[in-house]
ModelCIF file with pLDDT and N, C-alpha, C, O atoms, coordinates in Angstrom:
data_MODEL
#
_entry.id   MODEL 
#
_entity.id                         1 
_entity.type                       polymer 
_entity.pdbx_number_of_molecules   1 
#
_entity_poly.entity_id                      1 
_entity_poly.type                           'polypeptide(L)' 
_entity_poly.nstd_linkage                   no 
_entity_poly.nstd_monomer                   no 
_entity_poly.pdbx_seq_one_letter_code       VSAKGRFTISRDNAKNTMYLRMNNLTPVDTAVYYCQVNLAQAPF 
_entity_poly.pdbx_seq_one_letter_code_can   VSAKGRFTISRDNAKNTMYLRMNNLTPVDTAVYYCQVNLAQAPF 
_entity_poly.pdbx_strand_id                 A 
#
loop_
_entity_poly_seq.entity_id 
_entity_poly_seq.num 
_entity_poly_seq.mon_id 
_entity_poly_seq.hetero 
1 1  VAL n 
1 2  SER n 
1 3  ALA n 
1 4  LYS n 
1 5  GLY n 
1 6  ARG n 
1 7  PHE n 
1 8  THR n 
1 9  ILE n 
1 10 SER n 
1 11 ARG n 
1 12 ASP n 
1 13 ASN n 
1 14 ALA n 
1 15 LYS n 
1 16 ASN n 
1 17 THR n 
1 18 MET n 
1 19 TYR n 
1 20 LEU n 
1 21 ARG n 
1 22 MET n 
1 23 ASN n 
1 24 ASN n 
1 25 LEU n 
1 26 THR n 
1 27 PRO n 
1 28 VAL n 
1 29 ASP n 
1 30 THR n 
1 31 ALA n 
1 32 VAL n 
1 33 TYR n 
1 34 TYR n 
1 35 CYS n 
1 36 GLN n 
1 37 VAL n 
1 38 ASN n 
1 39 LEU n 
1 40 ALA n 
1 41 GLN n 
1 42 ALA n 
1 43 PRO n 
1 44 PHE n 
#
_struct_asym.id          A 
_struct_asym.entity_id   1 
#
loop_
_ma_qa_metric.id 
_ma_qa_metric.mode 
_ma_qa_metric.name 
_ma_qa_metric.software_group_id 
_ma_qa_metric.type 
1 global pLDDT . pLDDT 
2 local  pLDDT . pLDDT 
#
_ma_qa_metric_global.metric_id      1 
_ma_qa_metric_global.metric_value   96.11 
_ma_qa_metric_global.model_id       1 
_ma_qa_metric_global.ordinal_id     1 
#
loop_
_ma_qa_metric_local.label_asym_id 
_ma_qa_metric_local.label_comp_id 
_ma_qa_metric_local.label_seq_id 
_ma_qa_metric_local.metric_id 
_ma_qa_metric_local.metric_value 
_ma_qa_metric_local.model_id 
_ma_qa_metric_local.ordinal_id 
A VAL 1  2 96.00 1 1  
A SER 2  2 93.00 1 2  
A ALA 3  2 93.00 1 3  
A LYS 4  2 92.00 1 4  
A GLY 5  2 95.00 1 5  
A ARG 6  2 97.00 1 6  
A PHE 7  2 98.00 1 7  
A THR 8  2 98.00 1 8  
A ILE 9  2 98.00 1 9  
A SER 10 2 98.00 1 10 
A ARG 11 2 98.00 1 11 
A ASP 12 2 98.00 1 12 
A ASN 13 2 97.00 1 13 
A ALA 14 2 97.00 1 14 
A LYS 15 2 98.00 1 15 
A ASN 16 2 98.00 1 16 
A THR 17 2 98.00 1 17 
A MET 18 2 98.00 1 18 
A TYR 19 2 98.00 1 19 
A LEU 20 2 98.00 1 20 
A ARG 21 2 98.00 1 21 
A MET 22 2 98.00 1 22 
A ASN 23 2 98.00 1 23 
A ASN 24 2 98.00 1 24 
A LEU 25 2 98.00 1 25 
A THR 26 2 97.00 1 26 
A PRO 27 2 97.00 1 27 
A VAL 28 2 96.00 1 28 
A ASP 29 2 97.00 1 29 
A THR 30 2 98.00 1 30 
A ALA 31 2 98.00 1 31 
A VAL 32 2 98.00 1 32 
A TYR 33 2 98.00 1 33 
A TYR 34 2 98.00 1 34 
A CYS 35 2 98.00 1 35 
A GLN 36 2 98.00 1 36 
A VAL 37 2 97.00 1 37 
A ASN 38 2 93.00 1 38 
A LEU 39 2 92.00 1 39 
A ALA 40 2 86.00 1 40 
A GLN 41 2 82.00 1 41 
A ALA 42 2 90.00 1 42 
A PRO 43 2 94.00 1 43 
A PHE 44 2 96.00 1 44 
#
loop_
_atom_site.group_PDB 
_atom_site.id 
_atom_site.type_symbol 
_atom_site.label_atom_id 
_atom_site.label_alt_id 
_atom_site.label_comp_id 
_atom_site.label_asym_id 
_atom_site.label_entity_id 
_atom_site.label_seq_id 
_atom_site.pdbx_PDB_ins_code 
_atom_site.Cartn_x 
_atom_site.Cartn_y 
_atom_site.Cartn_z 
_atom_site.occupancy 
_atom_site.B_iso_or_equiv 
_atom_site.pdbx_formal_charge 
_atom_site.auth_seq_id 
_atom_site.auth_comp_id 
_atom_site.auth_asym_id 
_atom_site.auth_atom_id 
_atom_site.pdbx_PDB_model_num 
ATOM 1   N N  . VAL A 1 1  ? 68.070 134.582 -5.474  1.00 96.00 ? 1  VAL A N  1 
ATOM 2   C CA . VAL A 1 1  ? 68.183 133.406 -6.340  1.00 96.00 ? 1  VAL A CA 1 
ATOM 3   C C  . VAL A 1 1  ? 68.097 133.801 -7.808  1.00 96.00 ? 1  VAL A C  1 
ATOM 4   O O  . VAL A 1 1  ? 68.808 133.256 -8.652  1.00 96.00 ? 1  VAL A O  1 
ATOM 5   N N  . SER A 1 2  ? 67.223 134.749 -8.103  1.00 93.00 ? 2  SER A N  1 
ATOM 6   C CA . SER A 1 2  ? 67.032 135.168 -9.492  1.00 93.00 ? 2  SER A CA 1 
ATOM 7   C C  . SER A 1 2  ? 68.274 135.847 -10.076 1.00 93.00 ? 2  SER A C  1 
ATOM 8   O O  . SER A 1 2  ? 68.440 135.907 -11.295 1.00 93.00 ? 2  SER A O  1 
ATOM 9   N N  . ALA A 1 3  ? 69.136 136.353 -9.208  1.00 93.00 ? 3  ALA A N  1 
ATOM 10  C CA . ALA A 1 3  ? 70.319 137.089 -9.664  1.00 93.00 ? 3  ALA A CA 1 
ATOM 11  C C  . ALA A 1 3  ? 71.608 136.285 -9.558  1.00 93.00 ? 3  ALA A C  1 
ATOM 12  O O  . ALA A 1 3  ? 72.607 136.609 -10.200 1.00 93.00 ? 3  ALA A O  1 
ATOM 13  N N  . LYS A 1 4  ? 71.577 135.255 -8.761  1.00 92.00 ? 4  LYS A N  1 
ATOM 14  C CA . LYS A 1 4  ? 72.804 134.515 -8.471  1.00 92.00 ? 4  LYS A CA 1 
ATOM 15  C C  . LYS A 1 4  ? 73.406 133.913 -9.745  1.00 92.00 ? 4  LYS A C  1 
ATOM 16  O O  . LYS A 1 4  ? 72.715 133.298 -10.557 1.00 92.00 ? 4  LYS A O  1 
ATOM 17  N N  . GLY A 1 5  ? 74.709 134.112 -9.884  1.00 95.00 ? 5  GLY A N  1 
ATOM 18  C CA . GLY A 1 5  ? 75.411 133.601 -11.051 1.00 95.00 ? 5  GLY A CA 1 
ATOM 19  C C  . GLY A 1 5  ? 75.402 134.536 -12.240 1.00 95.00 ? 5  GLY A C  1 
ATOM 20  O O  . GLY A 1 5  ? 76.160 134.345 -13.191 1.00 95.00 ? 5  GLY A O  1 
ATOM 21  N N  . ARG A 1 6  ? 74.538 135.559 -12.193 1.00 97.00 ? 6  ARG A N  1 
ATOM 22  C CA . ARG A 1 6  ? 74.470 136.521 -13.303 1.00 97.00 ? 6  ARG A CA 1 
ATOM 23  C C  . ARG A 1 6  ? 74.796 137.948 -12.866 1.00 97.00 ? 6  ARG A C  1 
ATOM 24  O O  . ARG A 1 6  ? 75.364 138.718 -13.639 1.00 97.00 ? 6  ARG A O  1 
ATOM 25  N N  . PHE A 1 7  ? 74.442 138.300 -11.643 1.00 98.00 ? 7  PHE A N  1 
ATOM 26  C CA . PHE A 1 7  ? 74.635 139.661 -11.135 1.00 98.00 ? 7  PHE A CA 1 
ATOM 27  C C  . PHE A 1 7  ? 75.735 139.664 -10.088 1.00 98.00 ? 7  PHE A C  1 
ATOM 28  O O  . PHE A 1 7  ? 75.875 138.714 -9.318  1.00 98.00 ? 7  PHE A O  1 
ATOM 29  N N  . THR A 1 8  ? 76.512 140.737 -10.065 1.00 98.00 ? 8  THR A N  1 
ATOM 30  C CA . THR A 1 8  ? 77.554 140.912 -9.063  1.00 98.00 ? 8  THR A CA 1 
ATOM 31  C C  . THR A 1 8  ? 77.435 142.295 -8.439  1.00 98.00 ? 8  THR A C  1 
ATOM 32  O O  . THR A 1 8  ? 77.442 143.308 -9.140  1.00 98.00 ? 8  THR A O  1 
ATOM 33  N N  . ILE A 1 9  ? 77.328 142.326 -7.129  1.00 98.00 ? 9  ILE A N  1 
ATOM 34  C CA . ILE A 1 9  ? 77.272 143.604 -6.415  1.00 98.00 ? 9  ILE A CA 1 
ATOM 35  C C  . ILE A 1 9  ? 78.657 143.918 -5.871  1.00 98.00 ? 9  ILE A C  1 
ATOM 36  O O  . ILE A 1 9  ? 79.377 143.023 -5.428  1.00 98.00 ? 9  ILE A O  1 
ATOM 37  N N  . SER A 1 10 ? 79.018 145.172 -5.905  1.00 98.00 ? 10 SER A N  1 
ATOM 38  C CA . SER A 1 10 ? 80.318 145.594 -5.376  1.00 98.00 ? 10 SER A CA 1 
ATOM 39  C C  . SER A 1 10 ? 80.223 147.045 -4.912  1.00 98.00 ? 10 SER A C  1 
ATOM 40  O O  . SER A 1 10 ? 79.227 147.730 -5.147  1.00 98.00 ? 10 SER A O  1 
ATOM 41  N N  . ARG A 1 11 ? 81.276 147.489 -4.253  1.00 98.00 ? 11 ARG A N  1 
ATOM 42  C CA . ARG A 1 11 ? 81.289 148.875 -3.774  1.00 98.00 ? 11 ARG A CA 1 
ATOM 43  C C  . ARG A 1 11 ? 82.696 149.431 -3.829  1.00 98.00 ? 11 ARG A C  1 
ATOM 44  O O  . ARG A 1 11 ? 83.678 148.694 -3.737  1.00 98.00 ? 11 ARG A O  1 
ATOM 45  N N  . ASP A 1 12 ? 82.779 150.742 -3.982  1.00 98.00 ? 12 ASP A N  1 
ATOM 46  C CA . ASP A 1 12 ? 84.053 151.455 -3.930  1.00 98.00 ? 12 ASP A CA 1 
ATOM 47  C C  . ASP A 1 12 ? 83.879 152.564 -2.897  1.00 98.00 ? 12 ASP A C  1 
ATOM 48  O O  . ASP A 1 12 ? 83.320 153.619 -3.195  1.00 98.00 ? 12 ASP A O  1 
ATOM 49  N N  . ASN A 1 13 ? 84.359 152.320 -1.690  1.00 97.00 ? 13 ASN A N  1 
ATOM 50  C CA . ASN A 1 13 ? 84.161 153.283 -0.612  1.00 97.00 ? 13 ASN A CA 1 
ATOM 51  C C  . ASN A 1 13 ? 84.867 154.609 -0.873  1.00 97.00 ? 13 ASN A C  1 
ATOM 52  O O  . ASN A 1 13 ? 84.425 155.653 -0.393  1.00 97.00 ? 13 ASN A O  1 
ATOM 53  N N  . ALA A 1 14 ? 85.954 154.575 -1.625  1.00 97.00 ? 14 ALA A N  1 
ATOM 54  C CA . ALA A 1 14 ? 86.671 155.820 -1.934  1.00 97.00 ? 14 ALA A CA 1 
ATOM 55  C C  . ALA A 1 14 ? 85.835 156.729 -2.830  1.00 97.00 ? 14 ALA A C  1 
ATOM 56  O O  . ALA A 1 14 ? 86.012 157.948 -2.835  1.00 97.00 ? 14 ALA A O  1 
ATOM 57  N N  . LYS A 1 15 ? 84.921 156.121 -3.588  1.00 98.00 ? 15 LYS A N  1 
ATOM 58  C CA . LYS A 1 15 ? 84.071 156.893 -4.502  1.00 98.00 ? 15 LYS A CA 1 
ATOM 59  C C  . LYS A 1 15 ? 82.639 157.012 -4.006  1.00 98.00 ? 15 LYS A C  1 
ATOM 60  O O  . LYS A 1 15 ? 81.785 157.573 -4.693  1.00 98.00 ? 15 LYS A O  1 
ATOM 61  N N  . ASN A 1 16 ? 82.374 156.485 -2.813  1.00 98.00 ? 16 ASN A N  1 
ATOM 62  C CA . ASN A 1 16 ? 80.998 156.494 -2.290  1.00 98.00 ? 16 ASN A CA 1 
ATOM 63  C C  . ASN A 1 16 ? 80.010 155.925 -3.315  1.00 98.00 ? 16 ASN A C  1 
ATOM 64  O O  . ASN A 1 16 ? 78.925 156.471 -3.520  1.00 98.00 ? 16 ASN A O  1 
ATOM 65  N N  . THR A 1 17 ? 80.398 154.842 -3.941  1.00 98.00 ? 17 THR A N  1 
ATOM 66  C CA . THR A 1 17 ? 79.596 154.287 -5.025  1.00 98.00 ? 17 THR A CA 1 
ATOM 67  C C  . THR A 1 17 ? 79.450 152.783 -4.885  1.00 98.00 ? 17 THR A C  1 
ATOM 68  O O  . THR A 1 17 ? 80.395 152.072 -4.544  1.00 98.00 ? 17 THR A O  1 
ATOM 69  N N  . MET A 1 18 ? 78.243 152.322 -5.156  1.00 98.00 ? 18 MET A N  1 
ATOM 70  C CA . MET A 1 18 ? 77.933 150.897 -5.204  1.00 98.00 ? 18 MET A CA 1 
ATOM 71  C C  . MET A 1 18 ? 77.586 150.541 -6.654  1.00 98.00 ? 18 MET A C  1 
ATOM 72  O O  . MET A 1 18 ? 77.058 151.367 -7.398  1.00 98.00 ? 18 MET A O  1 
ATOM 73  N N  . TYR A 1 19 ? 77.890 149.309 -7.036  1.00 98.00 ? 19 TYR A N  1 
ATOM 74  C CA . TYR A 1 19 ? 77.669 148.876 -8.409  1.00 98.00 ? 19 TYR A CA 1 
ATOM 75  C C  . TYR A 1 19 ? 76.838 147.596 -8.439  1.00 98.00 ? 19 TYR A C  1 
ATOM 76  O O  . TYR A 1 19 ? 76.783 146.840 -7.469  1.00 98.00 ? 19 TYR A O  1 
ATOM 77  N N  . LEU A 1 20 ? 76.203 147.384 -9.575  1.00 98.00 ? 20 LEU A N  1 
ATOM 78  C CA . LEU A 1 20 ? 75.555 146.107 -9.844  1.00 98.00 ? 20 LEU A CA 1 
ATOM 79  C C  . LEU A 1 20 ? 75.883 145.752 -11.291 1.00 98.00 ? 20 LEU A C  1 
ATOM 80  O O  . LEU A 1 20 ? 75.382 146.370 -12.231 1.00 98.00 ? 20 LEU A O  1 
ATOM 81  N N  . ARG A 1 21 ? 76.721 144.759 -11.441 1.00 98.00 ? 21 ARG A N  1 
ATOM 82  C CA . ARG A 1 21 ? 77.053 144.255 -12.773 1.00 98.00 ? 21 ARG A CA 1 
ATOM 83  C C  . ARG A 1 21 ? 76.049 143.157 -13.105 1.00 98.00 ? 21 ARG A C  1 
ATOM 84  O O  . ARG A 1 21 ? 75.899 142.192 -12.355 1.00 98.00 ? 21 ARG A O  1 
ATOM 85  N N  . MET A 1 22 ? 75.373 143.311 -14.223 1.00 98.00 ? 22 MET A N  1 
ATOM 86  C CA . MET A 1 22 ? 74.331 142.368 -14.617 1.00 98.00 ? 22 MET A CA 1 
ATOM 87  C C  . MET A 1 22 ? 74.682 141.756 -15.964 1.00 98.00 ? 22 MET A C  1 
ATOM 88  O O  . MET A 1 22 ? 74.817 142.467 -16.960 1.00 98.00 ? 22 MET A O  1 
ATOM 89  N N  . ASN A 1 23 ? 74.827 140.450 -15.991 1.00 98.00 ? 23 ASN A N  1 
ATOM 90  C CA . ASN A 1 23 ? 75.154 139.722 -17.213 1.00 98.00 ? 23 ASN A CA 1 
ATOM 91  C C  . ASN A 1 23 ? 74.006 138.812 -17.618 1.00 98.00 ? 23 ASN A C  1 
ATOM 92  O O  . ASN A 1 23 ? 73.133 138.488 -16.814 1.00 98.00 ? 23 ASN A O  1 
ATOM 93  N N  . ASN A 1 24 ? 74.027 138.410 -18.874 1.00 98.00 ? 24 ASN A N  1 
ATOM 94  C CA . ASN A 1 24 ? 73.039 137.460 -19.386 1.00 98.00 ? 24 ASN A CA 1 
ATOM 95  C C  . ASN A 1 24 ? 71.612 137.903 -19.043 1.00 98.00 ? 24 ASN A C  1 
ATOM 96  O O  . ASN A 1 24 ? 70.816 137.127 -18.514 1.00 98.00 ? 24 ASN A O  1 
ATOM 97  N N  . LEU A 1 25 ? 71.315 139.135 -19.347 1.00 98.00 ? 25 LEU A N  1 
ATOM 98  C CA . LEU A 1 25 ? 70.012 139.702 -18.999 1.00 98.00 ? 25 LEU A CA 1 
ATOM 99  C C  . LEU A 1 25 ? 68.906 139.071 -19.843 1.00 98.00 ? 25 LEU A C  1 
ATOM 100 O O  . LEU A 1 25 ? 69.113 138.722 -21.005 1.00 98.00 ? 25 LEU A O  1 
ATOM 101 N N  . THR A 1 26 ? 67.732 138.935 -19.236 1.00 97.00 ? 26 THR A N  1 
ATOM 102 C CA . THR A 1 26 ? 66.554 138.417 -19.917 1.00 97.00 ? 26 THR A CA 1 
ATOM 103 C C  . THR A 1 26 ? 65.411 139.417 -19.758 1.00 97.00 ? 26 THR A C  1 
ATOM 104 O O  . THR A 1 26 ? 65.490 140.311 -18.915 1.00 97.00 ? 26 THR A O  1 
ATOM 105 N N  . PRO A 1 27 ? 64.357 139.281 -20.548 1.00 97.00 ? 27 PRO A N  1 
ATOM 106 C CA . PRO A 1 27 ? 63.220 140.202 -20.401 1.00 97.00 ? 27 PRO A CA 1 
ATOM 107 C C  . PRO A 1 27 ? 62.638 140.222 -18.985 1.00 97.00 ? 27 PRO A C  1 
ATOM 108 O O  . PRO A 1 27 ? 62.049 141.220 -18.569 1.00 97.00 ? 27 PRO A O  1 
ATOM 109 N N  . VAL A 1 28 ? 62.801 139.139 -18.257 1.00 96.00 ? 28 VAL A N  1 
ATOM 110 C CA . VAL A 1 28 ? 62.294 139.081 -16.881 1.00 96.00 ? 28 VAL A CA 1 
ATOM 111 C C  . VAL A 1 28 ? 63.008 140.087 -15.983 1.00 96.00 ? 28 VAL A C  1 
ATOM 112 O O  . VAL A 1 28 ? 62.475 140.476 -14.944 1.00 96.00 ? 28 VAL A O  1 
ATOM 113 N N  . ASP A 1 29 ? 64.198 140.505 -16.370 1.00 97.00 ? 29 ASP A N  1 
ATOM 114 C CA . ASP A 1 29 ? 64.966 141.475 -15.580 1.00 97.00 ? 29 ASP A CA 1 
ATOM 115 C C  . ASP A 1 29 ? 64.513 142.912 -15.824 1.00 97.00 ? 29 ASP A C  1 
ATOM 116 O O  . ASP A 1 29 ? 65.017 143.830 -15.177 1.00 97.00 ? 29 ASP A O  1 
ATOM 117 N N  . THR A 1 30 ? 63.587 143.122 -16.730 1.00 98.00 ? 30 THR A N  1 
ATOM 118 C CA . THR A 1 30 ? 63.082 144.465 -16.996 1.00 98.00 ? 30 THR A CA 1 
ATOM 119 C C  . THR A 1 30 ? 62.397 145.024 -15.757 1.00 98.00 ? 30 THR A C  1 
ATOM 120 O O  . THR A 1 30 ? 61.459 144.427 -15.229 1.00 98.00 ? 30 THR A O  1 
ATOM 121 N N  . ALA A 1 31 ? 62.876 146.174 -15.301 1.00 98.00 ? 31 ALA A N  1 
ATOM 122 C CA . ALA A 1 31 ? 62.362 146.761 -14.067 1.00 98.00 ? 31 ALA A CA 1 
ATOM 123 C C  . ALA A 1 31 ? 63.044 148.112 -13.839 1.00 98.00 ? 31 ALA A C  1 
ATOM 124 O O  . ALA A 1 31 ? 64.005 148.470 -14.520 1.00 98.00 ? 31 ALA A O  1 
ATOM 125 N N  . VAL A 1 32 ? 62.519 148.840 -12.868 1.00 98.00 ? 32 VAL A N  1 
ATOM 126 C CA . VAL A 1 32 ? 63.247 149.995 -12.338 1.00 98.00 ? 32 VAL A CA 1 
ATOM 127 C C  . VAL A 1 32 ? 64.108 149.486 -11.184 1.00 98.00 ? 32 VAL A C  1 
ATOM 128 O O  . VAL A 1 32 ? 63.619 148.807 -10.281 1.00 98.00 ? 32 VAL A O  1 
ATOM 129 N N  . TYR A 1 33 ? 65.371 149.819 -11.225 1.00 98.00 ? 33 TYR A N  1 
ATOM 130 C CA . TYR A 1 33 ? 66.319 149.364 -10.211 1.00 98.00 ? 33 TYR A CA 1 
ATOM 131 C C  . TYR A 1 33 ? 66.639 150.521 -9.267  1.00 98.00 ? 33 TYR A C  1 
ATOM 132 O O  . TYR A 1 33 ? 66.953 151.633 -9.690  1.00 98.00 ? 33 TYR A O  1 
ATOM 133 N N  . TYR A 1 34 ? 66.547 150.215 -7.970  1.00 98.00 ? 34 TYR A N  1 
ATOM 134 C CA . TYR A 1 34 ? 66.744 151.224 -6.933  1.00 98.00 ? 34 TYR A CA 1 
ATOM 135 C C  . TYR A 1 34 ? 67.884 150.812 -6.006  1.00 98.00 ? 34 TYR A C  1 
ATOM 136 O O  . TYR A 1 34 ? 68.059 149.628 -5.721  1.00 98.00 ? 34 TYR A O  1 
ATOM 137 N N  . CYS A 1 35 ? 68.649 151.778 -5.541  1.00 98.00 ? 35 CYS A N  1 
ATOM 138 C CA . CYS A 1 35 ? 69.554 151.490 -4.444  1.00 98.00 ? 35 CYS A CA 1 
ATOM 139 C C  . CYS A 1 35 ? 68.936 151.977 -3.146  1.00 98.00 ? 35 CYS A C  1 
ATOM 140 O O  . CYS A 1 35 ? 68.125 152.903 -3.133  1.00 98.00 ? 35 CYS A O  1 
ATOM 141 N N  . GLN A 1 36 ? 69.335 151.335 -2.052  1.00 98.00 ? 36 GLN A N  1 
ATOM 142 C CA . GLN A 1 36 ? 68.700 151.564 -0.768  1.00 98.00 ? 36 GLN A CA 1 
ATOM 143 C C  . GLN A 1 36 ? 69.701 151.428 0.355   1.00 98.00 ? 36 GLN A C  1 
ATOM 144 O O  . GLN A 1 36 ? 70.601 150.588 0.315   1.00 98.00 ? 36 GLN A O  1 
ATOM 145 N N  . VAL A 1 37 ? 69.528 152.275 1.367   1.00 97.00 ? 37 VAL A N  1 
ATOM 146 C CA . VAL A 1 37 ? 70.337 152.182 2.577   1.00 97.00 ? 37 VAL A CA 1 
ATOM 147 C C  . VAL A 1 37 ? 69.420 152.437 3.765   1.00 97.00 ? 37 VAL A C  1 
ATOM 148 O O  . VAL A 1 37 ? 68.514 153.267 3.696   1.00 97.00 ? 37 VAL A O  1 
ATOM 149 N N  . ASN A 1 38 ? 69.664 151.716 4.856   1.00 93.00 ? 38 ASN A N  1 
ATOM 150 C CA . ASN A 1 38 ? 68.926 151.938 6.095   1.00 93.00 ? 38 ASN A CA 1 
ATOM 151 C C  . ASN A 1 38 ? 69.755 152.832 7.010   1.00 93.00 ? 38 ASN A C  1 
ATOM 152 O O  . ASN A 1 38 ? 70.871 152.475 7.386   1.00 93.00 ? 38 ASN A O  1 
ATOM 153 N N  . LEU A 1 39 ? 69.214 153.980 7.363   1.00 92.00 ? 39 LEU A N  1 
ATOM 154 C CA . LEU A 1 39 ? 69.886 154.914 8.251   1.00 92.00 ? 39 LEU A CA 1 
ATOM 155 C C  . LEU A 1 39 ? 68.964 155.189 9.433   1.00 92.00 ? 39 LEU A C  1 
ATOM 156 O O  . LEU A 1 39 ? 67.807 155.568 9.247   1.00 92.00 ? 39 LEU A O  1 
ATOM 157 N N  . ALA A 1 40 ? 69.473 155.001 10.639  1.00 86.00 ? 40 ALA A N  1 
ATOM 158 C CA . ALA A 1 40 ? 68.654 155.212 11.837  1.00 86.00 ? 40 ALA A CA 1 
ATOM 159 C C  . ALA A 1 40 ? 67.333 154.472 11.709  1.00 86.00 ? 40 ALA A C  1 
ATOM 160 O O  . ALA A 1 40 ? 66.271 154.991 12.055  1.00 86.00 ? 40 ALA A O  1 
ATOM 161 N N  . GLN A 1 41 ? 67.423 153.251 11.204  1.00 82.00 ? 41 GLN A N  1 
ATOM 162 C CA . GLN A 1 41 ? 66.269 152.367 11.045  1.00 82.00 ? 41 GLN A CA 1 
ATOM 163 C C  . GLN A 1 41 ? 65.246 152.889 10.057  1.00 82.00 ? 41 GLN A C  1 
ATOM 164 O O  . GLN A 1 41 ? 64.115 152.405 10.032  1.00 82.00 ? 41 GLN A O  1 
ATOM 165 N N  . ALA A 1 42 ? 65.615 153.862 9.245   1.00 90.00 ? 42 ALA A N  1 
ATOM 166 C CA . ALA A 1 42 ? 64.713 154.357 8.209   1.00 90.00 ? 42 ALA A CA 1 
ATOM 167 C C  . ALA A 1 42 ? 65.340 154.087 6.849   1.00 90.00 ? 42 ALA A C  1 
ATOM 168 O O  . ALA A 1 42 ? 66.529 154.338 6.651   1.00 90.00 ? 42 ALA A O  1 
ATOM 169 N N  . PRO A 1 43 ? 64.553 153.580 5.919   1.00 94.00 ? 43 PRO A N  1 
ATOM 170 C CA . PRO A 1 43 ? 65.099 153.302 4.595   1.00 94.00 ? 43 PRO A CA 1 
ATOM 171 C C  . PRO A 1 43 ? 65.155 154.563 3.738   1.00 94.00 ? 43 PRO A C  1 
ATOM 172 O O  . PRO A 1 43 ? 64.223 155.367 3.720   1.00 94.00 ? 43 PRO A O  1 
ATOM 173 N N  . PHE A 1 44 ? 66.265 154.712 3.035   1.00 96.00 ? 44 PHE A N  1 
ATOM 174 C CA . PHE A 1 44 ? 66.394 155.777 2.049   1.00 96.00 ? 44 PHE A CA 1 
ATOM 175 C C  . PHE A 1 44 ? 66.563 155.143 0.678   1.00 96.00 ? 44 PHE A C  1 
ATOM 176 O O  . PHE A 1 44 ? 66.692 155.854 -0.318  1.00 96.00 ? 44 PHE A O  1 
#
């Protein structure tokens, strides 16, 4: 909910890359941002 309408997630499988486009940022968005994948039921 906090990201809806401002953030867009996308991926480019040819580049093995995921993106997060963030617009209209506010101080509340200050954080460390991590990407994550679940492999064999274990998070990486």
